[in-house]
Amino acid sequence: MTDNVLAGGSVVDPEAKPKRYTELMKTFNETVANHPQLESLLIPIGDGMTISRVKR
């Protein structure tokens, strides 16, 4: 589980004020979403949360 994956909306909204970790979260989200051994779900509530599990 990873918390704050939307970084206050700055990850998805170019008009939002970027946080110091916005670019890191963008890279993390892309990596997790495209990782061939993971199944992931991003929950867009608050600052966002991602739940991932290893595929079997």
N, C-alpha and C. Protein backbone atom coordinates (compact mmCIF):
# COMPACT_ATOMS: atom_id res chain seq x y z
N MET A 1 0.84 -1.17 0.00
CA MET A 1 0.00 0.00 0.00
C MET A 1 0.89 1.23 0.00
N THR A 2 0.49 2.20 -0.78
CA THR A 2 1.21 3.47 -0.84
C THR A 2 0.21 4.60 -0.72
N ASP A 3 0.51 5.55 0.14
CA ASP A 3 -0.38 6.68 0.38
C ASP A 3 0.15 7.92 -0.33
N ASN A 4 -0.73 8.90 -0.55
CA ASN A 4 -0.40 10.20 -1.14
C ASN A 4 0.11 10.12 -2.58
N VAL A 5 -0.39 9.16 -3.35
CA VAL A 5 0.10 8.97 -4.72
C VAL A 5 -0.39 10.05 -5.69
N LEU A 6 -1.36 10.84 -5.30
CA LEU A 6 -1.83 11.93 -6.17
C LEU A 6 -1.23 13.28 -5.77
N ALA A 7 -0.49 13.31 -4.69
CA ALA A 7 0.23 14.52 -4.24
C ALA A 7 -0.66 15.76 -4.27
N GLY A 8 -1.78 15.67 -3.60
CA GLY A 8 -2.68 16.81 -3.51
C GLY A 8 -3.29 17.21 -4.85
N GLY A 9 -3.33 16.27 -5.79
CA GLY A 9 -3.87 16.54 -7.12
C GLY A 9 -2.84 17.00 -8.12
N SER A 10 -1.65 17.35 -7.68
CA SER A 10 -0.63 17.89 -8.59
C SER A 10 -0.11 16.85 -9.57
N VAL A 11 -0.35 15.57 -9.31
CA VAL A 11 0.09 14.52 -10.23
C VAL A 11 -0.77 14.51 -11.49
N VAL A 12 -2.04 14.85 -11.35
CA VAL A 12 -2.96 14.78 -12.48
C VAL A 12 -3.46 16.13 -12.97
N ASP A 13 -3.29 17.18 -12.20
CA ASP A 13 -3.80 18.51 -12.56
C ASP A 13 -2.64 19.48 -12.76
N PRO A 14 -2.37 19.87 -14.00
CA PRO A 14 -1.26 20.79 -14.25
C PRO A 14 -1.46 22.17 -13.62
N GLU A 15 -2.69 22.51 -13.26
CA GLU A 15 -2.98 23.80 -12.63
C GLU A 15 -2.72 23.78 -11.12
N ALA A 16 -2.62 22.58 -10.53
CA ALA A 16 -2.41 22.46 -9.09
C ALA A 16 -0.98 22.84 -8.74
N LYS A 17 -0.82 23.37 -7.55
CA LYS A 17 0.51 23.74 -7.07
C LYS A 17 1.32 22.45 -6.85
N PRO A 18 2.46 22.32 -7.53
CA PRO A 18 3.26 21.10 -7.35
C PRO A 18 3.88 21.02 -5.96
N LYS A 19 3.95 19.80 -5.45
CA LYS A 19 4.63 19.54 -4.18
C LYS A 19 6.05 19.10 -4.51
N ARG A 20 6.91 19.03 -3.49
CA ARG A 20 8.30 18.69 -3.76
C ARG A 20 8.47 17.27 -4.29
N TYR A 21 7.47 16.43 -4.10
CA TYR A 21 7.58 15.04 -4.55
C TYR A 21 6.64 14.71 -5.70
N THR A 22 6.07 15.70 -6.37
CA THR A 22 5.13 15.46 -7.46
C THR A 22 5.75 14.62 -8.57
N GLU A 23 6.94 14.98 -9.03
CA GLU A 23 7.57 14.24 -10.12
C GLU A 23 7.91 12.81 -9.70
N LEU A 24 8.31 12.64 -8.45
CA LEU A 24 8.60 11.29 -7.95
C LEU A 24 7.33 10.44 -7.95
N MET A 25 6.21 11.01 -7.55
CA MET A 25 4.96 10.25 -7.52
C MET A 25 4.49 9.92 -8.93
N LYS A 26 4.70 10.82 -9.88
CA LYS A 26 4.35 10.52 -11.28
C LYS A 26 5.14 9.32 -11.77
N THR A 27 6.44 9.32 -11.49
CA THR A 27 7.30 8.20 -11.90
C THR A 27 6.89 6.92 -11.18
N PHE A 28 6.64 7.01 -9.88
CA PHE A 28 6.21 5.84 -9.12
C PHE A 28 4.92 5.26 -9.68
N ASN A 29 3.92 6.12 -9.91
CA ASN A 29 2.62 5.65 -10.42
C ASN A 29 2.77 4.96 -11.77
N GLU A 30 3.57 5.53 -12.65
CA GLU A 30 3.79 4.94 -13.97
C GLU A 30 4.49 3.59 -13.85
N THR A 31 5.48 3.52 -12.98
CA THR A 31 6.24 2.28 -12.78
C THR A 31 5.33 1.17 -12.24
N VAL A 32 4.55 1.49 -11.23
CA VAL A 32 3.66 0.49 -10.63
C VAL A 32 2.59 0.06 -11.63
N ALA A 33 2.03 0.99 -12.36
CA ALA A 33 0.97 0.67 -13.32
C ALA A 33 1.48 -0.23 -14.44
N ASN A 34 2.73 -0.08 -14.82
CA ASN A 34 3.27 -0.85 -15.95
C ASN A 34 4.14 -2.04 -15.55
N HIS A 35 4.27 -2.28 -14.25
CA HIS A 35 5.11 -3.38 -13.80
C HIS A 35 4.43 -4.72 -14.15
N PRO A 36 5.13 -5.60 -14.87
CA PRO A 36 4.49 -6.83 -15.33
C PRO A 36 4.16 -7.83 -14.22
N GLN A 37 4.75 -7.70 -13.04
CA GLN A 37 4.49 -8.65 -11.96
C GLN A 37 3.51 -8.13 -10.91
N LEU A 38 2.95 -6.94 -11.13
CA LEU A 38 2.04 -6.37 -10.15
C LEU A 38 0.64 -6.16 -10.71
N GLU A 39 -0.34 -6.32 -9.85
CA GLU A 39 -1.70 -5.87 -10.10
C GLU A 39 -1.92 -4.73 -9.13
N SER A 40 -2.34 -3.58 -9.63
CA SER A 40 -2.46 -2.40 -8.78
C SER A 40 -3.79 -1.71 -8.97
N LEU A 41 -4.23 -1.06 -7.90
CA LEU A 41 -5.47 -0.29 -7.90
C LEU A 41 -5.19 1.05 -7.25
N LEU A 42 -5.41 2.13 -7.99
CA LEU A 42 -5.25 3.47 -7.44
C LEU A 42 -6.63 3.95 -7.00
N ILE A 43 -6.74 4.31 -5.74
CA ILE A 43 -8.01 4.79 -5.17
C ILE A 43 -7.91 6.31 -5.06
N PRO A 44 -8.70 7.05 -5.89
CA PRO A 44 -8.56 8.51 -5.93
C PRO A 44 -9.38 9.24 -4.87
N ILE A 45 -9.14 8.92 -3.62
CA ILE A 45 -9.80 9.60 -2.51
C ILE A 45 -8.74 10.37 -1.73
N GLY A 46 -8.99 11.64 -1.45
CA GLY A 46 -8.00 12.46 -0.75
C GLY A 46 -6.75 12.62 -1.60
N ASP A 47 -5.61 12.32 -1.03
CA ASP A 47 -4.35 12.39 -1.78
C ASP A 47 -4.07 11.11 -2.56
N GLY A 48 -4.96 10.17 -2.54
CA GLY A 48 -4.83 8.95 -3.30
C GLY A 48 -4.06 7.86 -2.57
N MET A 49 -4.44 6.63 -2.87
CA MET A 49 -3.77 5.48 -2.30
C MET A 49 -3.69 4.40 -3.37
N THR A 50 -2.57 3.72 -3.44
CA THR A 50 -2.40 2.60 -4.36
C THR A 50 -2.22 1.32 -3.56
N ILE A 51 -2.95 0.31 -3.98
CA ILE A 51 -2.81 -1.02 -3.39
C ILE A 51 -2.30 -1.92 -4.50
N SER A 52 -1.20 -2.61 -4.24
CA SER A 52 -0.60 -3.49 -5.23
C SER A 52 -0.39 -4.88 -4.64
N ARG A 53 -0.43 -5.86 -5.52
CA ARG A 53 -0.09 -7.22 -5.11
C ARG A 53 0.68 -7.89 -6.23
N VAL A 54 1.48 -8.84 -5.86
CA VAL A 54 2.27 -9.59 -6.83
C VAL A 54 1.37 -10.60 -7.52
N LYS A 55 1.43 -10.64 -8.86
CA LYS A 55 0.66 -11.62 -9.60
C LYS A 55 1.25 -13.01 -9.36
N ARG A 56 0.38 -14.00 -9.39
CA ARG A 56 0.84 -15.39 -9.25
C ARG A 56 0.65 -16.13 -10.53
